[in-house]
Every structure is written in structure tokens, then in C-alpha cells.
PDB file of N, CA and C in Angstrom:
ATOM      1  N   MET A   1      -7.341  -4.037 -20.270  1.00  0.00           N
ATOM      2  CA  MET A   1      -6.184  -4.973 -19.672  1.00  0.00           C
ATOM      3  C   MET A   1      -7.407  -5.764 -18.617  1.00  0.00           C
ATOM      4  N   LYS A   2      -6.952  -6.548 -18.359  1.00  0.00           N
ATOM      5  CA  LYS A   2      -7.174  -8.180 -17.729  1.00  0.00           C
ATOM      6  C   LYS A   2      -7.274  -7.408 -16.250  1.00  0.00           C
ATOM      7  N   ARG A   3      -8.418  -7.642 -15.087  1.00  0.00           N
ATOM      8  CA  ARG A   3      -8.267  -7.627 -14.287  1.00  0.00           C
ATOM      9  C   ARG A   3      -7.818  -9.075 -13.134  1.00  0.00           C
ATOM     10  N   ARG A   4      -7.032  -8.505 -12.341  1.00  0.00           N
ATOM     11  CA  ARG A   4      -6.325  -9.821 -11.248  1.00  0.00           C
ATOM     12  C   ARG A   4      -7.144  -9.949 -10.235  1.00  0.00           C
ATOM     13  N   THR A   5      -7.621 -10.888  -9.571  1.00  0.00           N
ATOM     14  CA  THR A   5      -7.691 -10.909  -8.081  1.00  0.00           C
ATOM     15  C   THR A   5      -7.243 -11.837  -7.600  1.00  0.00           C
ATOM     16  N   GLY A   6      -6.656 -11.752  -6.628  1.00  0.00           N
ATOM     17  CA  GLY A   6      -5.920 -12.774  -5.307  1.00  0.00           C
ATOM     18  C   GLY A   6      -5.472 -12.275  -4.357  1.00  0.00           C
ATOM     19  N   GLN A   7      -4.706 -12.936  -3.674  1.00  0.00           N
ATOM     20  CA  GLN A   7      -4.358 -12.116  -2.310  1.00  0.00           C
ATOM     21  C   GLN A   7      -3.567 -11.469  -2.056  1.00  0.00           C
ATOM     22  N   CYS A   8      -3.737  -9.972  -0.919  1.00  0.00           N
ATOM     23  CA  CYS A   8      -3.341  -8.616  -1.067  1.00  0.00           C
ATOM     24  C   CYS A   8      -2.172  -9.087  -0.203  1.00  0.00           C
ATOM     25  N   GLU A   9      -0.947  -8.944  -0.088  1.00  0.00           N
ATOM     26  CA  GLU A   9       0.376  -9.514   0.104  1.00  0.00           C
ATOM     27  C   GLU A   9       0.548  -8.251   1.405  1.00  0.00           C
ATOM     28  N   VAL A  10       0.172  -7.646   1.962  1.00  0.00           N
ATOM     29  CA  VAL A  10      -0.235  -6.408   2.835  1.00  0.00           C
ATOM     30  C   VAL A  10      -1.119  -7.114   4.054  1.00  0.00           C
ATOM     31  N   CYS A  11      -2.729  -6.726   3.411  1.00  0.00           N
ATOM     32  CA  CYS A  11      -3.566  -7.433   4.509  1.00  0.00           C
ATOM     33  C   CYS A  11      -4.205  -8.389   4.372  1.00  0.00           C
ATOM     34  N   THR A  12      -3.758  -9.252   3.523  1.00  0.00           N
ATOM     35  CA  THR A  12      -4.300 -11.187   3.328  1.00  0.00           C
ATOM     36  C   THR A  12      -5.456 -11.402   2.928  1.00  0.00           C
ATOM     37  N   ARG A  13      -6.172 -10.132   2.735  1.00  0.00           N
ATOM     38  CA  ARG A  13      -7.400 -10.419   2.433  1.00  0.00           C
ATOM     39  C   ARG A  13      -7.104 -11.701   1.089  1.00  0.00           C
ATOM     40  N   ASN A  14      -8.264 -12.054   0.525  1.00  0.00           N
ATOM     41  CA  ASN A  14      -9.119 -12.742  -0.277  1.00  0.00           C
ATOM     42  C   ASN A  14      -9.349 -12.416  -1.531  1.00  0.00           C
ATOM     43  N   GLU A  15      -9.717 -12.805  -3.100  1.00  0.00           N
ATOM     44  CA  GLU A  15     -10.502 -12.647  -3.727  1.00  0.00           C
ATOM     45  C   GLU A  15     -10.793 -10.907  -3.672  1.00  0.00           C
ATOM     46  N   VAL A  16      -9.597 -10.558  -3.852  1.00  0.00           N
ATOM     47  CA  VAL A  16      -9.452  -8.718  -3.886  1.00  0.00           C
ATOM     48  C   VAL A  16      -9.086  -8.580  -5.306  1.00  0.00           C
ATOM     49  N   GLU A  17      -9.274  -7.274  -5.717  1.00  0.00           N
ATOM     50  CA  GLU A  17      -8.758  -6.915  -6.739  1.00  0.00           C
ATOM     51  C   GLU A  17      -7.288  -6.599  -6.616  1.00  0.00           C
ATOM     52  N   LEU A  18      -6.204  -6.483  -7.437  1.00  0.00           N
ATOM     53  CA  LEU A  18      -4.549  -6.403  -6.837  1.00  0.00           C
ATOM     54  C   LEU A  18      -4.466  -5.472  -8.220  1.00  0.00           C
ATOM     55  N   THR A  19      -3.114  -4.441  -7.554  1.00  0.00           N
ATOM     56  CA  THR A  19      -2.780  -3.576  -8.434  1.00  0.00           C
ATOM     57  C   THR A  19      -1.273  -3.835  -7.982  1.00  0.00           C
ATOM     58  N   GLU A  20      -0.590  -3.752  -9.214  1.00  0.00           N
ATOM     59  CA  GLU A  20       1.067  -3.697  -8.757  1.00  0.00           C
ATOM     60  C   GLU A  20       1.571  -2.885  -7.994  1.00  0.00           C
ATOM     61  N   HIS A  21       2.438  -2.828  -6.826  1.00  0.00           N
ATOM     62  CA  HIS A  21       2.951  -1.486  -6.104  1.00  0.00           C
ATOM     63  C   HIS A  21       4.516  -1.643  -5.876  1.00  0.00           C
ATOM     64  N   HIS A  22       5.325  -1.048  -6.445  1.00  0.00           N
ATOM     65  CA  HIS A  22       6.595  -0.886  -6.262  1.00  0.00           C
ATOM     66  C   HIS A  22       7.039  -0.737  -5.139  1.00  0.00           C
ATOM     67  N   LEU A  23       7.825  -1.866  -4.263  1.00  0.00           N
ATOM     68  CA  LEU A  23       8.490  -1.495  -3.539  1.00  0.00           C
ATOM     69  C   LEU A  23       9.364  -0.890  -3.042  1.00  0.00           C
ATOM     70  N   ILE A  24      10.366  -0.319  -3.917  1.00  0.00           N
ATOM     71  CA  ILE A  24      11.252   1.136  -4.375  1.00  0.00           C
ATOM     72  C   ILE A  24      10.242   1.460  -5.423  1.00  0.00           C
ATOM     73  N   PRO A  25       9.634   2.644  -5.228  1.00  0.00           N
ATOM     74  CA  PRO A  25       9.328   3.653  -5.993  1.00  0.00           C
ATOM     75  C   PRO A  25       9.948   3.632  -7.478  1.00  0.00           C
ATOM     76  N   LYS A  26       9.272   4.068  -8.346  1.00  0.00           N
ATOM     77  CA  LYS A  26      10.363   3.907 -10.017  1.00  0.00           C
ATOM     78  C   LYS A  26      10.522   5.238  -9.485  1.00  0.00           C
ATOM     79  N   GLU A  27      10.371   6.483  -9.198  1.00  0.00           N
ATOM     80  CA  GLU A  27      10.832   7.513  -9.141  1.00  0.00           C
ATOM     81  C   GLU A  27      12.176   7.309  -8.310  1.00  0.00           C
ATOM     82  N   GLU A  28      12.281   6.634  -6.853  1.00  0.00           N
ATOM     83  CA  GLU A  28      13.248   6.222  -6.582  1.00  0.00           C
ATOM     84  C   GLU A  28      14.239   4.930  -6.967  1.00  0.00           C
ATOM     85  N   GLY A  29      14.406   4.839  -8.213  1.00  0.00           N
ATOM     86  CA  GLY A  29      14.903   3.845  -9.164  1.00  0.00           C
ATOM     87  C   GLY A  29      14.505   2.229  -8.980  1.00  0.00           C
ATOM     88  N   GLY A  30      13.488   2.500  -9.025  1.00  0.00           N
ATOM     89  CA  GLY A  30      12.741   1.091  -8.693  1.00  0.00           C
ATOM     90  C   GLY A  30      11.921   0.443  -9.547  1.00  0.00           C
ATOM     91  N   THR A  31      11.993   0.778 -10.483  1.00  0.00           N
ATOM     92  CA  THR A  31      11.513   0.351 -11.968  1.00  0.00           C
ATOM     93  C   THR A  31      11.763  -0.873 -12.328  1.00  0.00           C
ATOM     94  N   HIS A  32      12.769  -1.621 -11.658  1.00  0.00           N
ATOM     95  CA  HIS A  32      12.729  -3.148 -12.309  1.00  0.00           C
ATOM     96  C   HIS A  32      13.191  -3.789 -11.153  1.00  0.00           C
ATOM     97  N   LEU A  33      13.258  -3.215 -10.061  1.00  0.00           N
ATOM     98  CA  LEU A  33      13.556  -4.020  -8.607  1.00  0.00           C
ATOM     99  C   LEU A  33      12.084  -4.368  -8.240  1.00  0.00           C
ATOM    100  N   GLN A  34      11.634  -5.468  -7.075  1.00  0.00           N
ATOM    101  CA  GLN A  34      11.009  -6.015  -6.529  1.00  0.00           C
ATOM    102  C   GLN A  34       9.420  -5.314  -5.957  1.00  0.00           C
ATOM    103  N   THR A  35       8.470  -5.987  -7.129  1.00  0.00           N
ATOM    104  CA  THR A  35       6.787  -5.328  -6.652  1.00  0.00           C
ATOM    105  C   THR A  35       6.269  -6.672  -5.938  1.00  0.00           C
ATOM    106  N   ALA A  36       4.703  -5.812  -5.714  1.00  0.00           N
ATOM    107  CA  ALA A  36       3.973  -6.883  -4.640  1.00  0.00           C
ATOM    108  C   ALA A  36       2.549  -6.844  -4.983  1.00  0.00           C
ATOM    109  N   MET A  37       1.963  -7.702  -4.815  1.00  0.00           N
ATOM    110  CA  MET A  37       0.379  -7.454  -5.576  1.00  0.00           C
ATOM    111  C   MET A  37      -0.683  -6.983  -3.939  1.00  0.00           C
ATOM    112  N   LEU A  38      -0.767  -5.728  -4.411  1.00  0.00           N
ATOM    113  CA  LEU A  38      -2.075  -5.118  -3.326  1.00  0.00           C
ATOM    114  C   LEU A  38      -3.125  -5.243  -3.852  1.00  0.00           C
ATOM    115  N   CYS A  39      -4.187  -4.760  -2.520  1.00  0.00           N
ATOM    116  CA  CYS A  39      -5.549  -4.640  -2.812  1.00  0.00           C
ATOM    117  C   CYS A  39      -5.328  -2.876  -3.027  1.00  0.00           C
ATOM    118  N   LYS A  40      -6.374  -2.722  -3.991  1.00  0.00           N
ATOM    119  CA  LYS A  40      -6.478  -0.685  -4.118  1.00  0.00           C
ATOM    120  C   LYS A  40      -6.409  -0.458  -2.534  1.00  0.00           C
ATOM    121  N   PRO A  41      -7.125  -0.950  -1.739  1.00  0.00           N
ATOM    122  CA  PRO A  41      -7.111   0.214  -0.630  1.00  0.00           C
ATOM    123  C   PRO A  41      -5.600   0.341  -0.349  1.00  0.00           C
ATOM    124  N   CYS A  42      -5.384  -0.851   0.104  1.00  0.00           N
ATOM    125  CA  CYS A  42      -4.225  -0.845   1.060  1.00  0.00           C
ATOM    126  C   CYS A  42      -2.843   0.057   0.075  1.00  0.00           C
ATOM    127  N   HIS A  43      -3.096  -0.124  -1.438  1.00  0.00           N
ATOM    128  CA  HIS A  43      -1.939   0.367  -2.361  1.00  0.00           C
ATOM    129  C   HIS A  43      -2.465   2.068  -1.796  1.00  0.00           C
ATOM    130  N   LYS A  44      -3.580   2.350  -2.163  1.00  0.00           N
ATOM    131  CA  LYS A  44      -3.689   4.059  -2.041  1.00  0.00           C
ATOM    132  C   LYS A  44      -2.908   4.669  -0.655  1.00  0.00           C
ATOM    133  N   GLN A  45      -3.512   3.596   0.315  1.00  0.00           N
ATOM    134  CA  GLN A  45      -2.994   3.925   1.626  1.00  0.00           C
ATOM    135  C   GLN A  45      -1.652   4.417   1.726  1.00  0.00           C
ATOM    136  N   ILE A  46      -1.099   3.267   1.473  1.00  0.00           N
ATOM    137  CA  ILE A  46       0.325   3.499   1.551  1.00  0.00           C
ATOM    138  C   ILE A  46       0.871   4.644   0.812  1.00  0.00           C
ATOM    139  N   HIS A  47       0.396   5.222  -0.121  1.00  0.00           N
ATOM    140  CA  HIS A  47       0.820   6.249  -1.320  1.00  0.00           C
ATOM    141  C   HIS A  47       0.173   7.310   0.050  1.00  0.00           C
ATOM    142  N   ASN A  48      -0.854   7.006   0.633  1.00  0.00           N
ATOM    143  CA  ASN A  48      -1.446   8.304   0.924  1.00  0.00           C
ATOM    144  C   ASN A  48      -0.408   8.796   2.632  1.00  0.00           C
ATOM    145  N   LEU A  49      -0.166   7.508   2.896  1.00  0.00           N
ATOM    146  CA  LEU A  49       0.784   8.168   4.282  1.00  0.00           C
ATOM    147  C   LEU A  49       2.261   8.265   3.982  1.00  0.00           C
ATOM    148  N   TYR A  50       2.132   7.661   3.111  1.00  0.00           N
ATOM    149  CA  TYR A  50       3.961   8.017   2.779  1.00  0.00           C
ATOM    150  C   TYR A  50       4.462   8.567   1.530  1.00  0.00           C
ATOM    151  N   THR A  51       5.952   9.421   1.291  1.00  0.00           N
ATOM    152  CA  THR A  51       6.280  10.052   0.292  1.00  0.00           C
ATOM    153  C   THR A  51       6.860   8.774  -0.435  1.00  0.00           C
ATOM    154  N   ASN A  52       7.416   8.911  -1.641  1.00  0.00           N
ATOM    155  CA  ASN A  52       8.080   7.991  -2.326  1.00  0.00           C
ATOM    156  C   ASN A  52       9.381   7.702  -1.445  1.00  0.00           C
ATOM    157  N   ARG A  53      10.128   8.563  -1.474  1.00  0.00           N
ATOM    158  CA  ARG A  53      11.638   8.477  -0.303  1.00  0.00           C
ATOM    159  C   ARG A  53      11.174   7.818   1.040  1.00  0.00           C
ATOM    160  N   GLU A  54      10.068   8.204   1.453  1.00  0.00           N
ATOM    161  CA  GLU A  54      10.125   7.378   2.885  1.00  0.00           C
ATOM    162  C   GLU A  54      10.063   5.939   2.171  1.00  0.00           C
ATOM    163  N   LEU A  55       9.314   5.550   1.545  1.00  0.00           N
ATOM    164  CA  LEU A  55       9.198   4.528   1.092  1.00  0.00           C
ATOM    165  C   LEU A  55      10.284   3.809   0.597  1.00  0.00           C
ATOM    166  N   ALA A  56      10.989   4.045  -0.141  1.00  0.00           N
ATOM    167  CA  ALA A  56      12.404   4.068  -0.796  1.00  0.00           C
ATOM    168  C   ALA A  56      13.665   3.605   0.441  1.00  0.00           C
ATOM    169  N   VAL A  57      13.338   4.574   1.124  1.00  0.00           N
ATOM    170  CA  VAL A  57      14.535   4.678   2.525  1.00  0.00           C
ATOM    171  C   VAL A  57      14.074   3.608   3.522  1.00  0.00           C
ATOM    172  N   ARG A  58      12.448   3.768   4.028  1.00  0.00           N
ATOM    173  CA  ARG A  58      12.429   2.465   5.107  1.00  0.00           C
ATOM    174  C   ARG A  58      11.606   1.685   4.895  1.00  0.00           C
ATOM    175  N   LEU A  59      10.882   1.423   3.813  1.00  0.00           N
ATOM    176  CA  LEU A  59       9.532   0.733   3.988  1.00  0.00           C
ATOM    177  C   LEU A  59       9.650  -0.273   2.498  1.00  0.00           C
ATOM    178  N   GLY A  60      10.963  -0.765   2.485  1.00  0.00           N
ATOM    179  CA  GLY A  60      10.844  -1.251   1.102  1.00  0.00           C
ATOM    180  C   GLY A  60      10.994  -3.057   1.165  1.00  0.00           C
ATOM    181  N   THR A  61       9.603  -3.889   1.874  1.00  0.00           N
ATOM    182  CA  THR A  61       9.494  -4.914   2.081  1.00  0.00           C
ATOM    183  C   THR A  61       8.065  -4.826   2.807  1.00  0.00           C
ATOM    184  N   VAL A  62       7.678  -6.192   2.036  1.00  0.00           N
ATOM    185  CA  VAL A  62       6.370  -6.109   2.733  1.00  0.00           C
ATOM    186  C   VAL A  62       6.315  -6.523   3.923  1.00  0.00           C
ATOM    187  N   LYS A  63       6.689  -6.899   4.598  1.00  0.00           N
ATOM    188  CA  LYS A  63       7.234  -7.448   6.169  1.00  0.00           C
ATOM    189  C   LYS A  63       7.186  -5.637   6.408  1.00  0.00           C
ATOM    190  N   LYS A  64       8.077  -4.945   6.093  1.00  0.00           N
ATOM    191  CA  LYS A  64       8.119  -3.272   6.987  1.00  0.00           C
ATOM    192  C   LYS A  64       7.162  -2.633   6.731  1.00  0.00           C
ATOM    193  N   LEU A  65       6.282  -2.984   5.890  1.00  0.00           N
ATOM    194  CA  LEU A  65       4.726  -2.698   5.159  1.00  0.00           C
ATOM    195  C   LEU A  65       3.969  -2.576   6.772  1.00  0.00           C
ATOM    196  N   GLN A  66       4.164  -3.652   6.730  1.00  0.00           N
ATOM    197  CA  GLN A  66       2.920  -4.966   7.740  1.00  0.00           C
ATOM    198  C   GLN A  66       3.144  -4.325   9.337  1.00  0.00           C
ATOM    199  N   ASN A  67       4.386  -4.233   9.575  1.00  0.00           N
ATOM    200  CA  ASN A  67       5.175  -4.119  10.879  1.00  0.00           C
ATOM    201  C   ASN A  67       5.440  -2.102  11.297  1.00  0.00           C
ATOM    202  N   ASP A  68       5.066  -1.440   9.885  1.00  0.00           N
ATOM    203  CA  ASP A  68       5.130  -0.259  10.409  1.00  0.00           C
ATOM    204  C   ASP A  68       3.881   0.104  11.455  1.00  0.00           C
ATOM    205  N   GLU A  69       4.188   0.951  12.098  1.00  0.00           N
ATOM    206  CA  GLU A  69       2.820   1.350  13.097  1.00  0.00           C
ATOM    207  C   GLU A  69       1.229   2.206  11.884  1.00  0.00           C
ATOM    208  N   GLN A  70       1.996   3.151  11.546  1.00  0.00           N
ATOM    209  CA  GLN A  70       0.412   3.666  11.130  1.00  0.00           C
ATOM    210  C   GLN A  70       0.330   2.924  10.007  1.00  0.00           C
ATOM    211  N   LEU A  71       0.776   1.660   9.180  1.00  0.00           N
ATOM    212  CA  LEU A  71      -0.122   0.871   8.528  1.00  0.00           C
ATOM    213  C   LEU A  71      -1.003   0.087   9.095  1.00  0.00           C
ATOM    214  N   LYS A  72      -0.259  -0.681  10.149  1.00  0.00           N
ATOM    215  CA  LYS A  72      -0.753  -1.789  11.001  1.00  0.00           C
ATOM    216  C   LYS A  72      -2.393  -1.260  11.596  1.00  0.00           C
ATOM    217  N   LYS A  73      -2.538  -0.284  11.961  1.00  0.00           N
ATOM    218  CA  LYS A  73      -4.202   0.418  12.023  1.00  0.00           C
ATOM    219  C   LYS A  73      -4.787   0.049  10.710  1.00  0.00           C
ATOM    220  N   PHE A  74      -4.523   0.653  10.016  1.00  0.00           N
ATOM    221  CA  PHE A  74      -5.424   0.382   8.994  1.00  0.00           C
ATOM    222  C   PHE A  74      -5.279  -0.992   8.089  1.00  0.00           C
ATOM    223  N   ILE A  75      -4.546  -1.602   8.485  1.00  0.00           N
ATOM    224  CA  ILE A  75      -4.788  -3.494   8.262  1.00  0.00           C
ATOM    225  C   ILE A  75      -5.738  -4.170   9.003  1.00  0.00           C
ATOM    226  N   LYS A  76      -5.518  -3.640  10.370  1.00  0.00           N
ATOM    227  CA  LYS A  76      -6.977  -3.899  11.370  1.00  0.00           C
ATOM    228  C   LYS A  76      -7.604  -3.862  10.885  1.00  0.00           C
ATOM    229  N   PHE A  77      -8.359  -2.430  10.419  1.00  0.00           N
ATOM    230  CA  PHE A  77      -8.937  -2.145   9.504  1.00  0.00           C
ATOM    231  C   PHE A  77      -9.668  -2.859   8.431  1.00  0.00           C
ATOM    232  N   ILE A  78      -8.853  -2.660   7.257  1.00  0.00           N
ATOM    233  CA  ILE A  78      -9.394  -3.447   5.884  1.00  0.00           C
ATOM    234  C   ILE A  78      -9.809  -5.005   6.368  1.00  0.00           C
ATOM    235  N   ARG A  79      -9.113  -5.444   7.148  1.00  0.00           N
ATOM    236  CA  ARG A  79      -9.082  -6.990   6.753  1.00  0.00           C
ATOM    237  C   ARG A  79     -10.732  -7.476   7.553  1.00  0.00           C
ATOM    238  N   LYS A  80     -11.276  -6.232   8.132  1.00  0.00           N
ATOM    239  CA  LYS A  80     -12.880  -6.588   8.837  1.00  0.00           C
ATOM    240  C   LYS A  80     -13.561  -5.955   7.430  1.00  0.00           C
ATOM    241  N   GLN A  81     -13.239  -5.551   6.491  1.00  0.00           N
ATOM    242  CA  GLN A  81     -14.047  -5.166   5.327  1.00  0.00           C
ATOM    243  C   GLN A  81     -13.584  -6.269   4.243  1.00  0.00           C
ATOM    244  N   PRO A  82     -15.327  -6.283   3.737  1.00  0.00           N
ATOM    245  CA  PRO A  82     -16.078  -7.361   2.786  1.00  0.00           C
ATOM    246  C   PRO A  82     -14.500  -7.132   1.315  1.00  0.00           C
ATOM    247  N   SER A  83     -14.330  -8.171   0.563  1.00  0.00           N
ATOM    248  CA  SER A  83     -13.072  -7.611  -0.578  1.00  0.00           C
ATOM    249  C   SER A  83     -14.064  -6.383  -1.796  1.00  0.00           C
ATOM    250  N   SER A  84     -14.940  -6.717  -1.449  1.00  0.00           N
ATOM    251  CA  SER A  84     -16.277  -6.121  -2.461  1.00  0.00           C
ATOM    252  C   SER A  84     -16.434  -4.163  -2.017  1.00  0.00           C
ATOM    253  N   ALA A  85     -15.980  -3.632  -0.641  1.00  0.00           N
ATOM    254  CA  ALA A  85     -16.249  -2.950  -0.102  1.00  0.00           C
ATOM    255  C   ALA A  85     -14.847  -1.709  -0.694  1.00  0.00           C
ATOM    256  N   ARG A  86     -15.317  -0.696  -0.922  1.00  0.00           N
ATOM    257  CA  ARG A  86     -15.190   0.563  -1.255  1.00  0.00           C
ATOM    258  C   ARG A  86     -14.647   1.309  -0.274  1.00  0.00           C
ATOM    259  N   VAL A  87     -13.682   2.033  -0.195  1.00  0.00           N
ATOM    260  CA  VAL A  87     -13.116   2.564   1.053  1.00  0.00           C
ATOM    261  C   VAL A  87     -12.525   3.510   0.416  1.00  0.00           C
ATOM    262  N   LYS A  88     -12.964   4.877   1.386  1.00  0.00           N
ATOM    263  CA  LYS A  88     -12.687   6.098   0.936  1.00  0.00           C
ATOM    264  C   LYS A  88     -11.232   6.239   1.559  1.00  0.00           C
ATOM    265  N   MET A  89     -10.178   7.150   0.895  1.00  0.00           N
ATOM    266  CA  MET A  89      -9.128   7.061   1.157  1.00  0.00           C
ATOM    267  C   MET A  89      -8.607   8.698   1.596  1.00  0.00           C
ATOM    268  N   ARG A  90      -7.730   8.941   2.248  1.00  0.00           N
ATOM    269  CA  ARG A  90      -7.165  10.564   2.410  1.00  0.00           C
ATOM    270  C   ARG A  90      -6.050  10.631   2.598  1.00  0.00           C
ATOM    271  N   LYS A  91      -5.332  11.872   1.967  1.00  0.00           N
ATOM    272  CA  LYS A  91      -3.604  12.082   2.849  1.00  0.00           C
ATOM    273  C   LYS A  91      -3.386  12.050   4.397  1.00  0.00           C
ATOM    274  N   SER A  92      -2.817  11.708   4.979  1.00  0.00           N
ATOM    275  CA  SER A  92      -2.404  11.780   5.835  1.00  0.00           C
ATOM    276  C   SER A  92      -2.382  13.651   5.963  1.00  0.00           C
ATOM    277  N   ASN A  93      -2.424  14.290   7.330  1.00  0.00           N
ATOM    278  CA  ASN A  93      -2.194  15.448   7.531  1.00  0.00           C
ATOM    279  C   ASN A  93      -1.098  15.582   7.606  1.00  0.00           C
ATOM    280  N   GLU A  94       0.035  14.580   7.747  1.00  0.00           N
ATOM    281  CA  GLU A  94       1.740  14.753   8.468  1.00  0.00           C
ATOM    282  C   GLU A  94       2.186  14.594   6.863  1.00  0.00           C
ATOM    283  N   LYS A  95       1.619  14.056   6.009  1.00  0.00           N
ATOM    284  CA  LYS A  95       2.579  14.124   4.701  1.00  0.00           C
ATOM    285  C   LYS A  95       2.251  15.129   3.974  1.00  0.00           C
ATOM    286  N   LYS A  96       0.741  15.833   4.002  1.00  0.00           N
ATOM    287  CA  LYS A  96       0.751  17.153   3.325  1.00  0.00           C
ATOM    288  C   LYS A  96       1.525  17.971   3.775  1.00  0.00           C
ATOM    289  N   GLN A  97       1.488  17.729   4.954  1.00  0.00           N
ATOM    290  CA  GLN A  97       2.561  19.077   5.746  1.00  0.00           C
ATOM    291  C   GLN A  97       4.422  19.005   5.180  1.00  0.00           C
ATOM    292  N   ARG A  98       4.911  17.329   5.362  1.00  0.00           N
ATOM    293  CA  ARG A  98       5.717  17.152   4.582  1.00  0.00           C
ATOM    294  C   ARG A  98       6.574  17.017   2.984  1.00  0.00           C
ATOM    295  N   ARG A  99       5.164  17.743   2.344  1.00  0.00           N
ATOM    296  CA  ARG A  99       5.134  17.848   0.836  1.00  0.00           C
ATOM    297  C   ARG A  99       5.469  19.330   0.865  1.00  0.00           C
ATOM    298  N   LYS A 100       5.076  19.949   1.443  1.00  0.00           N
ATOM    299  CA  LYS A 100       5.263  21.429   1.435  1.00  0.00           C
ATOM    300  C   LYS A 100       6.836  22.140   1.450  1.00  0.00           C
TER     301      LYS A 100
END
């Protein structure tokens, strides 16, 4: 599989390795719907903060993701990191509780 680099649609950092994010998760019916190309840290952070249901119901566009209060803090942080930085991620305590 060829690695693709470019600009992350969420944090707008350049020259980062990109992954495809289904704006409406596949398990919520988004298999053939719009996707966005995101850097790995943004993609992981989105899935660490929100359930697939939350993403489908209220965060189904790049703009909505960028304007979400929880993700805004992360975006501000990640924009300061070099594209080669490896960032450790953890699930939010709030999300852990919602899954129970």
C-alpha cells in the first residue's frame, strides 16, 4: 500500500501522512459517503474522543469537527507539532464511561 502525504483536512498541517476518515462511520451507514483525509494524530484523536454514533449524529463534516470544543483544544496543540512527531493518544475518560 502506497503511503500518501499531504495536508490534513482537520488541523491543516502540511506534509503529513494521511489516512481516510469516513465522516459518517461505516458502521453507521457511511460506507459509500463522503470521506476526509486526516493525519494519523487527528484521526486517532477523533476516535478516542467520540463514539461512532456521536460522529454520525453531530460531527459529520470537517467544519463540525474543527468547531467542536473538545477537538479545538487538540487542533491547537497538534498544529504546533512537527509533521514527523509521534503523538501518544488515550481514550477520554468520558468516552470510556459512555461505552459501558
